[in-house]
Each structure stands twice: as structure tokens, then as C-alpha cells.
Amino acid sequence: QTLRLAYTPRKSAALRDAGALVLIEADHNTDSSKAKLFGMTAVPGVDTAEADAEGEGKTPYQTFGVQRAGEGKWASCVRVVDVSGKIVTKQVFELPEDEAAVSVCACSFTERPAETFVLVGSVLGLKSRARAPQGMVYVYSVTEGAHLTLLHKTPVDGVPRAICAFQVYTQNAMHTHAYADR
């Protein structure tokens, strides 16, 4: 089975009890607002009638991909996929413009051991040869049926390239941080 994604898949975390997978997707040099706009309208300079004939009724976005926007421009999303039967997307959260998801983890906290949480590390305006000024860690709660609900987002220094389920442990290029769950 296959599943069409909006951007390049970067990492994933399993929600075993729910039979689901959380995927983070991100593409550099991409303007997500233009991609959405061009997904519904014509791409400048492209003959849409010819594109439809070649693309078998697909929109120009589906045929030609997203529009390029320049360095430091990102489009990213968090996708929940049901893998217990037929593979289908259950939920998609688009991240704000120029923010890229870079890490994901499913965990529980000692204060709330019966609940599952998904943490997504992201960075704003990441460039290939420059330090990112600020990252974020999004905290989602997982409810019945692998439904995610955003609880809050926490600013962190640098890029949270790794998150694991040891209380909350993040790592960027220069530092490692452990956050208590109290």
C-alpha cells in the first residue's frame, strides 16, 4: 500500500497501542502557501490543459510539485497515519511558515503514566550554513483513536535534532537538555 505525502518524510514515531504512526515531513526551499495556492489554480507559464492531459486530471501541484522559495524557507507538517488496516491519513498539522519539523518522539510522563504524548522538535528558518536562532518542542496529547491535540509549544535554544523518551531529553549541535516532567 502507498500513501501520498505532502513533503519529504523525515522521521517517524510509532503509537503502538493505537496502531498508528506519526510522520514528520519537511521540504527546504519551499513556500507552503504557494504550494497550496497552486494546488487549486494554474502555475504561471504552464499550459494547464496540456498538463491535465499528461497528468491524467491531476492539478499542476500534483504534476509539478511545490514552488521553490529560497534558502531558509520551509514547509512542514505532522501526519498521523493509521497502519492497523488500510493505510490512511487520520490527521495533518501544518507547521507555521518557514518552520521545519526535525525530530519526533512518542512518550509518557511519570506524572501521567496512562497517557501517551507526542513531542515534535522544530526550527524556524533553518539555513544550511548558519546556526538556527530558535527551536520549538510541540507537545501533543494522544486521545482515543490516535487523535492528536496540541497542548503547548516550548521554545528551546538551537535545533532540537533529537528527542527521546527519557523524561524529555533534547539535543542540538552544542548542548543536551533534560527536562523534568514535573
N, C-alpha and C. Protein backbone atom coordinates (compact mmCIF):
# COMPACT_ATOMS: atom_id res chain seq x y z
N GLN A 1 0.84 -1.18 0.00
CA GLN A 1 0.00 0.00 0.00
C GLN A 1 0.88 1.24 0.00
N THR A 2 0.40 2.28 -0.63
CA THR A 2 1.15 3.53 -0.66
C THR A 2 0.28 4.65 -0.11
N LEU A 3 0.95 5.72 0.28
CA LEU A 3 0.28 6.89 0.82
C LEU A 3 0.96 8.13 0.26
N ARG A 4 0.19 9.02 -0.33
CA ARG A 4 0.76 10.25 -0.88
C ARG A 4 1.02 11.23 0.26
N LEU A 5 2.26 11.74 0.31
CA LEU A 5 2.66 12.70 1.33
C LEU A 5 2.80 14.08 0.72
N ALA A 6 2.71 15.11 1.55
CA ALA A 6 2.83 16.48 1.06
C ALA A 6 4.30 16.87 0.86
N TYR A 7 5.17 16.41 1.76
CA TYR A 7 6.58 16.78 1.73
C TYR A 7 7.42 15.53 1.96
N THR A 8 8.73 15.69 1.99
CA THR A 8 9.64 14.57 2.20
C THR A 8 9.52 14.04 3.63
N PRO A 9 9.31 12.75 3.80
CA PRO A 9 9.25 12.21 5.17
C PRO A 9 10.63 12.27 5.81
N ARG A 10 10.69 12.73 7.07
CA ARG A 10 11.98 12.89 7.75
C ARG A 10 12.17 11.86 8.85
N LYS A 11 11.19 11.72 9.74
CA LYS A 11 11.28 10.77 10.85
C LYS A 11 9.88 10.31 11.23
N SER A 12 9.83 9.25 12.05
CA SER A 12 8.52 8.75 12.47
C SER A 12 8.59 8.22 13.89
N ALA A 13 7.43 8.11 14.52
CA ALA A 13 7.28 7.53 15.85
C ALA A 13 6.03 6.66 15.84
N ALA A 14 6.13 5.48 16.44
CA ALA A 14 5.01 4.55 16.46
C ALA A 14 4.13 4.79 17.67
N LEU A 15 2.82 4.76 17.45
CA LEU A 15 1.82 4.75 18.52
C LEU A 15 1.26 3.34 18.54
N ARG A 16 1.97 2.43 19.19
CA ARG A 16 1.67 1.00 19.13
C ARG A 16 0.27 0.66 19.61
N ASP A 17 -0.17 1.25 20.72
CA ASP A 17 -1.49 0.93 21.26
C ASP A 17 -2.61 1.33 20.31
N ALA A 18 -2.39 2.36 19.53
CA ALA A 18 -3.42 2.87 18.62
C ALA A 18 -3.27 2.34 17.20
N GLY A 19 -2.20 1.60 16.92
CA GLY A 19 -1.99 1.10 15.56
C GLY A 19 -1.76 2.22 14.57
N ALA A 20 -1.00 3.23 15.00
CA ALA A 20 -0.78 4.40 14.16
C ALA A 20 0.69 4.78 14.15
N LEU A 21 1.03 5.63 13.21
CA LEU A 21 2.39 6.13 13.04
C LEU A 21 2.31 7.65 12.92
N VAL A 22 3.22 8.35 13.58
CA VAL A 22 3.31 9.81 13.44
C VAL A 22 4.51 10.10 12.57
N LEU A 23 4.28 10.73 11.43
CA LEU A 23 5.35 11.10 10.50
C LEU A 23 5.57 12.60 10.55
N ILE A 24 6.84 13.01 10.50
CA ILE A 24 7.12 14.42 10.29
C ILE A 24 7.66 14.55 8.87
N GLU A 25 7.17 15.56 8.18
CA GLU A 25 7.56 15.80 6.79
C GLU A 25 8.06 17.23 6.69
N ALA A 26 9.07 17.45 5.85
CA ALA A 26 9.59 18.80 5.65
C ALA A 26 10.30 18.89 4.31
N ASP A 27 10.18 20.03 3.66
CA ASP A 27 10.91 20.32 2.44
C ASP A 27 11.53 21.70 2.54
N HIS A 28 12.81 21.78 2.21
CA HIS A 28 13.53 23.06 2.19
C HIS A 28 13.28 23.75 0.85
N ASN A 29 13.45 25.06 0.84
CA ASN A 29 13.31 25.85 -0.39
C ASN A 29 11.87 25.77 -0.90
N THR A 30 10.92 25.72 0.01
CA THR A 30 9.52 25.51 -0.34
C THR A 30 8.65 26.55 0.34
N ASP A 31 7.74 27.11 -0.42
CA ASP A 31 6.76 28.05 0.12
C ASP A 31 5.43 27.32 0.22
N SER A 32 5.04 26.93 1.43
CA SER A 32 3.83 26.11 1.58
C SER A 32 2.56 26.85 1.17
N SER A 33 2.51 28.16 1.38
CA SER A 33 1.30 28.89 1.00
C SER A 33 1.15 28.90 -0.52
N LYS A 34 2.26 29.04 -1.26
CA LYS A 34 2.18 28.99 -2.72
C LYS A 34 1.84 27.59 -3.19
N ALA A 35 2.35 26.58 -2.52
CA ALA A 35 2.05 25.20 -2.90
C ALA A 35 0.56 24.94 -2.78
N LYS A 36 -0.03 25.40 -1.70
CA LYS A 36 -1.47 25.22 -1.52
C LYS A 36 -2.25 26.01 -2.56
N LEU A 37 -1.83 27.25 -2.79
CA LEU A 37 -2.49 28.09 -3.78
C LEU A 37 -2.41 27.46 -5.17
N PHE A 38 -1.21 27.02 -5.57
CA PHE A 38 -1.05 26.44 -6.89
C PHE A 38 -1.68 25.06 -6.99
N GLY A 39 -1.95 24.45 -5.89
CA GLY A 39 -2.65 23.18 -5.91
C GLY A 39 -4.08 23.34 -6.38
N MET A 40 -4.62 24.57 -6.28
CA MET A 40 -6.00 24.81 -6.65
C MET A 40 -6.13 25.64 -7.92
N THR A 41 -5.04 26.26 -8.35
CA THR A 41 -5.09 27.12 -9.54
C THR A 41 -3.96 26.77 -10.49
N ALA A 42 -3.79 27.58 -11.49
CA ALA A 42 -2.77 27.31 -12.51
C ALA A 42 -1.39 27.78 -12.06
N VAL A 43 -0.37 27.10 -12.56
CA VAL A 43 1.02 27.52 -12.33
C VAL A 43 1.39 28.48 -13.45
N PRO A 44 1.96 29.66 -13.12
CA PRO A 44 2.33 30.60 -14.17
C PRO A 44 3.27 29.98 -15.20
N GLY A 45 2.96 30.21 -16.47
CA GLY A 45 3.83 29.73 -17.55
C GLY A 45 3.62 28.27 -17.92
N VAL A 46 2.62 27.61 -17.36
CA VAL A 46 2.38 26.20 -17.66
C VAL A 46 1.02 26.07 -18.31
N ASP A 47 0.97 25.37 -19.42
CA ASP A 47 -0.28 25.11 -20.11
C ASP A 47 -1.03 24.03 -19.33
N THR A 48 -2.07 24.44 -18.59
CA THR A 48 -2.77 23.50 -17.71
C THR A 48 -3.56 22.46 -18.49
N ALA A 49 -4.03 22.80 -19.68
CA ALA A 49 -4.77 21.80 -20.46
C ALA A 49 -3.82 20.66 -20.86
N GLU A 50 -2.60 21.03 -21.27
CA GLU A 50 -1.60 20.02 -21.63
C GLU A 50 -1.17 19.24 -20.39
N ALA A 51 -1.02 19.93 -19.27
CA ALA A 51 -0.62 19.27 -18.02
C ALA A 51 -1.69 18.28 -17.57
N ASP A 52 -2.97 18.67 -17.71
CA ASP A 52 -4.06 17.78 -17.34
C ASP A 52 -4.07 16.54 -18.23
N ALA A 53 -3.80 16.75 -19.54
CA ALA A 53 -3.79 15.61 -20.46
C ALA A 53 -2.66 14.64 -20.10
N GLU A 54 -1.48 15.18 -19.78
CA GLU A 54 -0.34 14.34 -19.43
C GLU A 54 -0.47 13.79 -18.01
N GLY A 55 -1.06 14.59 -17.11
CA GLY A 55 -1.15 14.19 -15.71
C GLY A 55 -2.42 13.44 -15.35
N GLU A 56 -3.21 13.10 -16.36
CA GLU A 56 -4.43 12.34 -16.14
C GLU A 56 -5.36 13.00 -15.13
N GLY A 57 -5.60 14.30 -15.32
CA GLY A 57 -6.55 15.02 -14.47
C GLY A 57 -5.97 15.56 -13.19
N LYS A 58 -4.68 15.44 -12.98
CA LYS A 58 -4.07 15.96 -11.76
C LYS A 58 -3.92 17.46 -11.86
N THR A 59 -3.92 18.11 -10.71
CA THR A 59 -3.68 19.55 -10.69
C THR A 59 -2.20 19.81 -10.94
N PRO A 60 -1.82 21.03 -11.36
CA PRO A 60 -0.40 21.33 -11.59
C PRO A 60 0.48 21.04 -10.37
N TYR A 61 -0.04 21.28 -9.15
CA TYR A 61 0.74 20.98 -7.94
C TYR A 61 1.07 19.50 -7.88
N GLN A 62 0.11 18.64 -8.19
CA GLN A 62 0.35 17.21 -8.15
C GLN A 62 1.31 16.77 -9.24
N THR A 63 1.28 17.45 -10.39
CA THR A 63 2.14 17.09 -11.51
C THR A 63 3.55 17.64 -11.35
N PHE A 64 3.67 18.91 -10.94
CA PHE A 64 4.97 19.58 -10.94
C PHE A 64 5.58 19.79 -9.56
N GLY A 65 4.84 19.54 -8.50
CA GLY A 65 5.38 19.70 -7.15
C GLY A 65 5.23 21.13 -6.65
N VAL A 66 5.85 21.38 -5.50
CA VAL A 66 5.72 22.68 -4.85
C VAL A 66 6.62 23.73 -5.49
N GLN A 67 6.29 24.98 -5.28
CA GLN A 67 7.05 26.07 -5.84
C GLN A 67 8.27 26.37 -4.97
N ARG A 68 9.40 26.67 -5.57
CA ARG A 68 10.64 26.94 -4.85
C ARG A 68 10.64 28.37 -4.34
N ALA A 69 11.18 28.55 -3.12
CA ALA A 69 11.05 29.84 -2.44
C ALA A 69 12.37 30.44 -1.99
N GLY A 70 13.45 29.69 -1.89
CA GLY A 70 14.73 30.23 -1.45
C GLY A 70 15.22 29.60 -0.16
N GLU A 71 16.50 29.82 0.14
CA GLU A 71 17.12 29.23 1.32
C GLU A 71 16.47 29.74 2.60
N GLY A 72 16.31 28.85 3.55
CA GLY A 72 15.70 29.21 4.82
C GLY A 72 14.18 29.16 4.82
N LYS A 73 13.60 28.87 3.68
CA LYS A 73 12.14 28.74 3.57
C LYS A 73 11.78 27.27 3.65
N TRP A 74 10.88 26.93 4.55
CA TRP A 74 10.49 25.56 4.79
C TRP A 74 8.98 25.38 4.77
N ALA A 75 8.57 24.20 4.39
CA ALA A 75 7.19 23.77 4.53
C ALA A 75 7.24 22.44 5.26
N SER A 76 6.39 22.27 6.26
CA SER A 76 6.49 21.08 7.09
C SER A 76 5.13 20.74 7.70
N CYS A 77 4.96 19.46 8.02
CA CYS A 77 3.72 19.03 8.67
C CYS A 77 3.97 17.81 9.54
N VAL A 78 3.02 17.57 10.43
CA VAL A 78 2.98 16.38 11.27
C VAL A 78 1.77 15.59 10.80
N ARG A 79 1.99 14.32 10.45
CA ARG A 79 0.91 13.49 9.89
C ARG A 79 0.71 12.25 10.76
N VAL A 80 -0.54 11.95 11.08
CA VAL A 80 -0.88 10.73 11.81
C VAL A 80 -1.46 9.75 10.79
N VAL A 81 -0.87 8.57 10.71
CA VAL A 81 -1.26 7.57 9.72
C VAL A 81 -1.74 6.31 10.44
N ASP A 82 -2.94 5.84 10.09
CA ASP A 82 -3.46 4.59 10.63
C ASP A 82 -2.83 3.45 9.84
N VAL A 83 -2.12 2.57 10.53
CA VAL A 83 -1.46 1.45 9.87
C VAL A 83 -2.04 0.11 10.32
N SER A 84 -3.16 0.15 11.04
CA SER A 84 -3.74 -1.09 11.56
C SER A 84 -4.49 -1.88 10.48
N GLY A 85 -4.93 -1.22 9.45
CA GLY A 85 -5.63 -1.88 8.35
C GLY A 85 -5.15 -1.28 7.06
N LYS A 86 -6.07 -0.69 6.33
CA LYS A 86 -5.68 0.05 5.13
C LYS A 86 -4.96 1.32 5.58
N ILE A 87 -3.83 1.63 4.97
CA ILE A 87 -3.02 2.78 5.37
C ILE A 87 -3.73 4.07 4.92
N VAL A 88 -4.15 4.88 5.90
CA VAL A 88 -4.84 6.13 5.62
C VAL A 88 -4.34 7.22 6.57
N THR A 89 -4.40 8.46 6.09
CA THR A 89 -4.06 9.61 6.92
C THR A 89 -5.26 9.93 7.81
N LYS A 90 -4.99 10.05 9.13
CA LYS A 90 -6.05 10.39 10.07
C LYS A 90 -6.07 11.88 10.37
N GLN A 91 -4.88 12.50 10.44
CA GLN A 91 -4.76 13.91 10.80
C GLN A 91 -3.50 14.49 10.18
N VAL A 92 -3.55 15.78 9.86
CA VAL A 92 -2.36 16.50 9.39
C VAL A 92 -2.34 17.86 10.07
N PHE A 93 -1.20 18.19 10.67
CA PHE A 93 -0.98 19.51 11.27
C PHE A 93 0.09 20.20 10.46
N GLU A 94 -0.26 21.28 9.79
CA GLU A 94 0.74 22.09 9.08
C GLU A 94 1.46 22.97 10.09
N LEU A 95 2.78 23.00 10.03
CA LEU A 95 3.55 23.89 10.89
C LEU A 95 3.56 25.28 10.28
N PRO A 96 3.81 26.31 11.11
CA PRO A 96 3.84 27.67 10.57
C PRO A 96 4.87 27.84 9.44
N GLU A 97 4.66 28.84 8.63
CA GLU A 97 5.55 29.16 7.51
C GLU A 97 7.00 29.22 7.96
N ASP A 98 7.90 28.61 7.20
CA ASP A 98 9.36 28.62 7.42
C ASP A 98 9.80 27.83 8.65
N GLU A 99 8.93 26.99 9.18
CA GLU A 99 9.29 26.15 10.32
C GLU A 99 9.39 24.70 9.85
N ALA A 100 10.48 24.02 10.23
CA ALA A 100 10.73 22.66 9.79
C ALA A 100 10.73 21.70 10.97
N ALA A 101 9.98 20.62 10.88
CA ALA A 101 9.99 19.57 11.89
C ALA A 101 11.27 18.75 11.69
N VAL A 102 12.02 18.53 12.78
CA VAL A 102 13.29 17.82 12.67
C VAL A 102 13.38 16.58 13.57
N SER A 103 12.50 16.44 14.55
CA SER A 103 12.55 15.27 15.42
C SER A 103 11.15 14.97 15.96
N VAL A 104 10.94 13.70 16.33
CA VAL A 104 9.64 13.27 16.86
C VAL A 104 9.84 12.12 17.83
N CYS A 105 8.98 12.05 18.84
CA CYS A 105 9.08 11.01 19.85
C CYS A 105 7.70 10.79 20.47
N ALA A 106 7.36 9.53 20.71
CA ALA A 106 6.15 9.19 21.48
C ALA A 106 6.62 8.80 22.87
N CYS A 107 5.98 9.33 23.91
CA CYS A 107 6.42 9.06 25.28
C CYS A 107 5.26 9.21 26.26
N SER A 108 5.53 8.88 27.51
CA SER A 108 4.59 9.17 28.59
C SER A 108 5.39 9.79 29.72
N PHE A 109 4.73 10.51 30.60
CA PHE A 109 5.39 11.18 31.71
C PHE A 109 5.05 10.47 33.01
N THR A 110 5.94 10.53 33.99
CA THR A 110 5.71 9.83 35.25
C THR A 110 4.50 10.38 35.99
N GLU A 111 4.19 11.64 35.81
CA GLU A 111 3.01 12.23 36.45
C GLU A 111 1.71 11.74 35.81
N ARG A 112 1.77 11.33 34.55
CA ARG A 112 0.58 10.87 33.82
C ARG A 112 0.94 9.60 33.02
N PRO A 113 1.22 8.50 33.72
CA PRO A 113 1.73 7.30 33.03
C PRO A 113 0.72 6.61 32.11
N ALA A 114 -0.56 6.83 32.31
CA ALA A 114 -1.57 6.17 31.48
C ALA A 114 -1.78 6.89 30.15
N GLU A 115 -1.23 8.08 30.01
CA GLU A 115 -1.42 8.87 28.79
C GLU A 115 -0.18 8.79 27.91
N THR A 116 -0.41 8.92 26.62
CA THR A 116 0.69 8.97 25.65
C THR A 116 0.75 10.38 25.07
N PHE A 117 1.98 10.85 24.88
CA PHE A 117 2.21 12.17 24.31
C PHE A 117 3.14 12.03 23.11
N VAL A 118 3.02 12.96 22.17
CA VAL A 118 3.93 13.04 21.03
C VAL A 118 4.63 14.38 21.12
N LEU A 119 5.96 14.34 21.06
CA LEU A 119 6.76 15.56 21.07
C LEU A 119 7.39 15.73 19.70
N VAL A 120 7.28 16.93 19.15
CA VAL A 120 7.84 17.23 17.83
C VAL A 120 8.79 18.41 17.99
N GLY A 121 10.05 18.20 17.62
CA GLY A 121 11.03 19.28 17.63
C GLY A 121 11.05 19.97 16.28
N SER A 122 11.09 21.29 16.29
CA SER A 122 11.10 22.04 15.04
C SER A 122 12.04 23.23 15.16
N VAL A 123 12.33 23.84 14.03
CA VAL A 123 13.21 25.01 13.99
C VAL A 123 12.65 25.99 12.97
N LEU A 124 12.84 27.26 13.25
CA LEU A 124 12.33 28.33 12.38
C LEU A 124 13.45 28.87 11.51
N GLY A 125 13.27 28.87 10.19
CA GLY A 125 14.21 29.49 9.26
C GLY A 125 15.58 28.83 9.20
N LEU A 126 15.65 27.53 9.30
CA LEU A 126 16.92 26.80 9.26
C LEU A 126 17.60 26.99 7.91
N LYS A 127 18.88 27.37 7.97
CA LYS A 127 19.69 27.53 6.75
C LYS A 127 20.84 26.55 6.81
N SER A 128 21.37 26.19 5.65
CA SER A 128 22.37 25.13 5.59
C SER A 128 23.69 25.48 6.27
N ARG A 129 24.11 26.73 6.26
CA ARG A 129 25.40 27.08 6.83
C ARG A 129 25.31 28.12 7.95
N ALA A 130 24.22 28.15 8.62
CA ALA A 130 24.06 29.14 9.70
C ALA A 130 23.39 28.47 10.89
N ARG A 131 23.67 28.98 12.04
CA ARG A 131 23.02 28.48 13.25
C ARG A 131 21.58 28.97 13.31
N ALA A 132 20.71 28.08 13.69
CA ALA A 132 19.31 28.46 13.83
C ALA A 132 19.14 29.21 15.15
N PRO A 133 18.44 30.31 15.13
CA PRO A 133 18.29 31.11 16.34
C PRO A 133 17.39 30.46 17.38
N GLN A 134 16.35 29.77 16.96
CA GLN A 134 15.40 29.24 17.93
C GLN A 134 14.70 28.00 17.41
N GLY A 135 14.49 27.08 18.33
CA GLY A 135 13.72 25.89 18.03
C GLY A 135 12.48 25.84 18.90
N MET A 136 11.65 24.86 18.65
CA MET A 136 10.42 24.66 19.42
C MET A 136 10.24 23.18 19.68
N VAL A 137 9.60 22.86 20.79
CA VAL A 137 9.15 21.50 21.03
C VAL A 137 7.64 21.57 21.22
N TYR A 138 6.91 20.96 20.29
CA TYR A 138 5.46 20.89 20.37
C TYR A 138 5.09 19.66 21.19
N VAL A 139 4.12 19.79 22.08
CA VAL A 139 3.65 18.67 22.87
C VAL A 139 2.18 18.42 22.52
N TYR A 140 1.93 17.22 22.01
CA TYR A 140 0.57 16.80 21.64
C TYR A 140 0.14 15.68 22.58
N SER A 141 -1.11 15.67 23.01
CA SER A 141 -1.63 14.52 23.75
C SER A 141 -2.30 13.60 22.73
N VAL A 142 -2.23 12.30 23.02
CA VAL A 142 -2.84 11.30 22.14
C VAL A 142 -4.10 10.81 22.82
N THR A 143 -5.24 10.97 22.15
CA THR A 143 -6.51 10.52 22.71
C THR A 143 -6.98 9.29 21.94
N GLU A 144 -8.15 8.82 22.29
CA GLU A 144 -8.72 7.62 21.68
C GLU A 144 -8.65 7.69 20.16
N GLY A 145 -8.22 6.61 19.54
CA GLY A 145 -8.16 6.56 18.08
C GLY A 145 -6.98 7.28 17.49
N ALA A 146 -5.93 7.50 18.25
CA ALA A 146 -4.70 8.16 17.78
C ALA A 146 -4.96 9.58 17.29
N HIS A 147 -5.84 10.28 17.98
CA HIS A 147 -6.13 11.68 17.65
C HIS A 147 -5.19 12.57 18.47
N LEU A 148 -4.46 13.47 17.80
CA LEU A 148 -3.54 14.36 18.50
C LEU A 148 -4.20 15.69 18.82
N THR A 149 -3.91 16.20 20.01
CA THR A 149 -4.39 17.52 20.43
C THR A 149 -3.18 18.31 20.91
N LEU A 150 -2.95 19.49 20.33
CA LEU A 150 -1.81 20.32 20.73
C LEU A 150 -2.04 20.86 22.13
N LEU A 151 -1.11 20.57 23.05
CA LEU A 151 -1.19 21.09 24.42
C LEU A 151 -0.44 22.41 24.54
N HIS A 152 0.80 22.43 24.08
CA HIS A 152 1.58 23.67 24.10
C HIS A 152 2.84 23.50 23.27
N LYS A 153 3.53 24.61 23.05
CA LYS A 153 4.83 24.57 22.41
C LYS A 153 5.82 25.33 23.28
N THR A 154 7.02 24.79 23.39
CA THR A 154 8.03 25.34 24.27
C THR A 154 9.23 25.78 23.45
N PRO A 155 9.66 27.04 23.56
CA PRO A 155 10.86 27.47 22.85
C PRO A 155 12.11 26.85 23.47
N VAL A 156 13.07 26.46 22.63
CA VAL A 156 14.35 25.92 23.09
C VAL A 156 15.46 26.61 22.31
N ASP A 157 16.66 26.59 22.88
CA ASP A 157 17.82 27.17 22.19
C ASP A 157 18.30 26.19 21.12
N GLY A 158 18.57 26.68 19.93
CA GLY A 158 19.12 25.84 18.87
C GLY A 158 18.09 24.92 18.22
N VAL A 159 18.61 23.91 17.55
CA VAL A 159 17.78 22.97 16.79
C VAL A 159 17.61 21.69 17.60
N PRO A 160 16.39 21.32 17.99
CA PRO A 160 16.18 20.06 18.73
C PRO A 160 16.21 18.87 17.77
N ARG A 161 17.41 18.47 17.37
CA ARG A 161 17.57 17.42 16.36
C ARG A 161 17.20 16.03 16.85
N ALA A 162 17.19 15.83 18.17
CA ALA A 162 16.85 14.51 18.72
C ALA A 162 15.97 14.69 19.95
N ILE A 163 14.95 13.86 20.05
CA ILE A 163 14.10 13.82 21.24
C ILE A 163 13.91 12.34 21.56
N CYS A 164 14.09 11.97 22.83
CA CYS A 164 13.82 10.59 23.22
C CYS A 164 13.03 10.57 24.51
N ALA A 165 12.48 9.42 24.85
CA ALA A 165 11.55 9.30 25.97
C ALA A 165 12.25 9.07 27.31
N PHE A 166 13.22 9.87 27.65
CA PHE A 166 13.87 9.83 28.96
C PHE A 166 13.50 11.13 29.64
N GLN A 167 12.42 11.12 30.40
CA GLN A 167 11.76 12.33 30.87
C GLN A 167 11.52 13.14 29.60
N VAL A 168 12.15 14.20 29.32
CA VAL A 168 12.20 14.76 27.98
C VAL A 168 13.63 15.21 27.77
N TYR A 169 14.25 14.64 26.78
CA TYR A 169 15.66 14.83 26.52
C TYR A 169 15.79 15.36 25.10
N THR A 170 16.38 16.52 24.92
CA THR A 170 16.58 17.06 23.58
C THR A 170 18.05 17.32 23.36
N GLN A 171 18.45 17.29 22.10
CA GLN A 171 19.85 17.54 21.78
C GLN A 171 19.92 18.41 20.56
N ASN A 172 20.81 19.42 20.63
CA ASN A 172 21.11 20.21 19.44
C ASN A 172 22.60 20.09 19.20
N ALA A 173 23.15 20.85 18.31
CA ALA A 173 24.54 20.70 17.91
C ALA A 173 25.53 20.90 19.06
N MET A 174 25.22 21.74 20.02
CA MET A 174 26.17 22.09 21.06
C MET A 174 25.79 21.61 22.46
N HIS A 175 24.51 21.35 22.71
CA HIS A 175 24.07 21.07 24.07
C HIS A 175 23.07 19.93 24.12
N THR A 176 23.01 19.30 25.27
CA THR A 176 22.00 18.30 25.55
C THR A 176 21.19 18.79 26.74
N HIS A 177 19.86 18.73 26.65
CA HIS A 177 18.99 19.22 27.70
C HIS A 177 18.08 18.09 28.16
N ALA A 178 17.90 17.95 29.45
CA ALA A 178 16.92 17.02 30.02
C ALA A 178 15.88 17.86 30.77
N TYR A 179 14.62 17.70 30.40
CA TYR A 179 13.55 18.46 31.01
C TYR A 179 12.77 17.55 31.94
N ALA A 180 12.59 17.96 33.17
CA ALA A 180 11.81 17.17 34.13
C ALA A 180 10.34 17.26 33.75
N ASP A 181 9.60 16.22 34.06
CA ASP A 181 8.18 16.20 33.70
C ASP A 181 7.31 16.68 34.85
N ARG A 182 7.85 17.40 35.77
CA ARG A 182 7.07 17.92 36.89
C ARG A 182 6.75 19.37 36.68
